[in-house]
C-alpha atoms as a PDB file:
ATOM      1  CA  UNK A   1      18.695  -9.387  -5.465  1.00  0.00           C
ATOM      2  CA  UNK A   2      21.964  -7.604  -6.148  1.00  0.00           C
ATOM      3  CA  UNK A   3      22.205  -9.214  -9.573  1.00  0.00           C
ATOM      4  CA  UNK A   4      18.743  -7.916 -10.458  1.00  0.00           C
ATOM      5  CA  UNK A   5      19.654  -4.404  -9.351  1.00  0.00           C
ATOM      6  CA  UNK A   6      22.847  -4.472 -11.413  1.00  0.00           C
ATOM      7  CA  UNK A   7      21.029  -5.725 -14.499  1.00  0.00           C
ATOM      8  CA  UNK A   8      18.280  -3.138 -14.052  1.00  0.00           C
ATOM      9  CA  UNK A   9      20.850  -0.358 -13.708  1.00  0.00           C
ATOM     10  CA  UNK A  10      22.376  -1.419 -17.017  1.00  0.00           C
ATOM     11  CA  UNK A  11      18.962  -1.374 -18.709  1.00  0.00           C
ATOM     12  CA  UNK A  12      18.533  -5.139 -18.956  1.00  0.00           C
ATOM     13  CA  UNK A  13      14.996  -5.213 -17.592  1.00  0.00           C
ATOM     14  CA  UNK A  14      14.067  -8.696 -18.806  1.00  0.00           C
ATOM     15  CA  UNK A  15      17.150 -10.264 -17.234  1.00  0.00           C
ATOM     16  CA  UNK A  16      16.661  -8.148 -14.105  1.00  0.00           C
ATOM     17  CA  UNK A  17      13.084  -9.392 -13.740  1.00  0.00           C
ATOM     18  CA  UNK A  18      14.298 -12.975 -14.060  1.00  0.00           C
ATOM     19  CA  UNK A  19      16.929 -12.323 -11.388  1.00  0.00           C
ATOM     20  CA  UNK A  20      14.316 -10.831  -9.049  1.00  0.00           C
ATOM     21  CA  UNK A  21      12.097 -13.866  -9.626  1.00  0.00           C
ATOM     22  CA  UNK A  22      15.020 -16.166  -8.867  1.00  0.00           C
ATOM     23  CA  UNK A  23      15.835 -14.226  -5.695  1.00  0.00           C
ATOM     24  CA  UNK A  24      12.232 -14.413  -4.516  1.00  0.00           C
ATOM     25  CA  UNK A  25      11.870 -18.095  -5.439  1.00  0.00           C
ATOM     26  CA  UNK A  26      15.072 -19.011  -3.608  1.00  0.00           C
ATOM     27  CA  UNK A  27      13.810 -17.548  -0.321  1.00  0.00           C
ATOM     28  CA  UNK A  28      10.109 -16.630  -0.543  1.00  0.00           C
ATOM     29  CA  UNK A  29       9.960 -15.920   3.186  1.00  0.00           C
ATOM     30  CA  UNK A  30      13.445 -14.444   3.541  1.00  0.00           C
ATOM     31  CA  UNK A  31      14.291 -10.876   4.517  1.00  0.00           C
ATOM     32  CA  UNK A  32      14.812  -9.776   0.894  1.00  0.00           C
ATOM     33  CA  UNK A  33      11.600 -11.398  -0.383  1.00  0.00           C
ATOM     34  CA  UNK A  34       9.371  -8.268  -0.214  1.00  0.00           C
ATOM     35  CA  UNK A  35      11.915  -6.187  -2.128  1.00  0.00           C
ATOM     36  CA  UNK A  36      12.501  -8.932  -4.703  1.00  0.00           C
ATOM     37  CA  UNK A  37       8.753  -9.329  -5.276  1.00  0.00           C
ATOM     38  CA  UNK A  38       8.244  -5.565  -5.550  1.00  0.00           C
ATOM     39  CA  UNK A  39      11.116  -5.222  -8.016  1.00  0.00           C
ATOM     40  CA  UNK A  40       9.776  -8.147 -10.025  1.00  0.00           C
ATOM     41  CA  UNK A  41       6.364  -6.478 -10.270  1.00  0.00           C
ATOM     42  CA  UNK A  42       7.884  -3.160 -11.240  1.00  0.00           C
ATOM     43  CA  UNK A  43       9.993  -4.864 -13.895  1.00  0.00           C
ATOM     44  CA  UNK A  44       6.984  -6.649 -15.331  1.00  0.00           C
ATOM     45  CA  UNK A  45       5.262  -3.283 -15.617  1.00  0.00           C
ATOM     46  CA  UNK A  46       8.246  -1.830 -17.447  1.00  0.00           C
ATOM     47  CA  UNK A  47       8.103  -4.774 -19.848  1.00  0.00           C
ATOM     48  CA  UNK A  48       4.466  -4.033 -20.669  1.00  0.00           C
ATOM     49  CA  UNK A  49       3.096  -7.034 -18.791  1.00  0.00           C
ATOM     50  CA  UNK A  50       0.452  -5.038 -16.931  1.00  0.00           C
ATOM     51  CA  UNK A  51      -1.818  -7.792 -15.605  1.00  0.00           C
ATOM     52  CA  UNK A  52       1.139  -9.815 -14.337  1.00  0.00           C
ATOM     53  CA  UNK A  53       2.696  -6.712 -12.806  1.00  0.00           C
ATOM     54  CA  UNK A  54      -0.546  -5.802 -11.033  1.00  0.00           C
ATOM     55  CA  UNK A  55      -0.923  -9.303  -9.606  1.00  0.00           C
ATOM     56  CA  UNK A  56       2.702  -9.458  -8.471  1.00  0.00           C
ATOM     57  CA  UNK A  57       2.568  -6.022  -6.852  1.00  0.00           C
ATOM     58  CA  UNK A  58      -0.657  -6.977  -5.036  1.00  0.00           C
ATOM     59  CA  UNK A  59       1.125 -10.023  -3.642  1.00  0.00           C
ATOM     60  CA  UNK A  60       3.652  -7.778  -1.876  1.00  0.00           C
ATOM     61  CA  UNK A  61       0.910  -6.528   0.455  1.00  0.00           C
ATOM     62  CA  UNK A  62      -0.816  -9.890   0.685  1.00  0.00           C
ATOM     63  CA  UNK A  63       2.324 -11.774   1.707  1.00  0.00           C
ATOM     64  CA  UNK A  64       4.194  -9.059   3.607  1.00  0.00           C
ATOM     65  CA  UNK A  65       1.628  -6.583   5.009  1.00  0.00           C
ATOM     66  CA  UNK A  66       4.105  -4.881   7.337  1.00  0.00           C
ATOM     67  CA  UNK A  67       6.972  -4.567   4.830  1.00  0.00           C
ATOM     68  CA  UNK A  68       8.044  -1.070   3.792  1.00  0.00           C
ATOM     69  CA  UNK A  69       7.754  -2.116   0.129  1.00  0.00           C
ATOM     70  CA  UNK A  70       3.949  -2.307   0.444  1.00  0.00           C
ATOM     71  CA  UNK A  71       3.569   1.460   0.011  1.00  0.00           C
ATOM     72  CA  UNK A  72       5.842   1.450  -3.034  1.00  0.00           C
ATOM     73  CA  UNK A  73       3.923  -1.489  -4.502  1.00  0.00           C
ATOM     74  CA  UNK A  74       0.608   0.334  -3.983  1.00  0.00           C
ATOM     75  CA  UNK A  75       1.987   3.450  -5.641  1.00  0.00           C
ATOM     76  CA  UNK A  76       3.250   1.409  -8.581  1.00  0.00           C
ATOM     77  CA  UNK A  77      -0.144  -0.301  -8.902  1.00  0.00           C
ATOM     78  CA  UNK A  78      -1.786   3.122  -9.048  1.00  0.00           C
ATOM     79  CA  UNK A  79       0.707   4.306 -11.658  1.00  0.00           C
ATOM     80  CA  UNK A  80      -0.009   1.211 -13.771  1.00  0.00           C
ATOM     81  CA  UNK A  81      -3.775   1.683 -13.409  1.00  0.00           C
ATOM     82  CA  UNK A  82      -4.349  -1.636 -11.663  1.00  0.00           C
ATOM     83  CA  UNK A  83      -7.867  -2.293 -10.426  1.00  0.00           C
END
């Protein structure tokens, strides 16, 4: 997760998204999973992959309904115009 944040901060969105995916895949039920999934969805949106971003952001709420990232994911879905 930290690697993804560092890459994102340096503008390397594609590599950051891959790092977020790796972080989520390594521990899909771990404590950092909701944040990794949210950041992955946000990154996909920044890369112009709208449908994938919308699906990924929806999964944040589906998998982790009580996580604080759910509100951020919903806001990002609205910003992206997800249905």
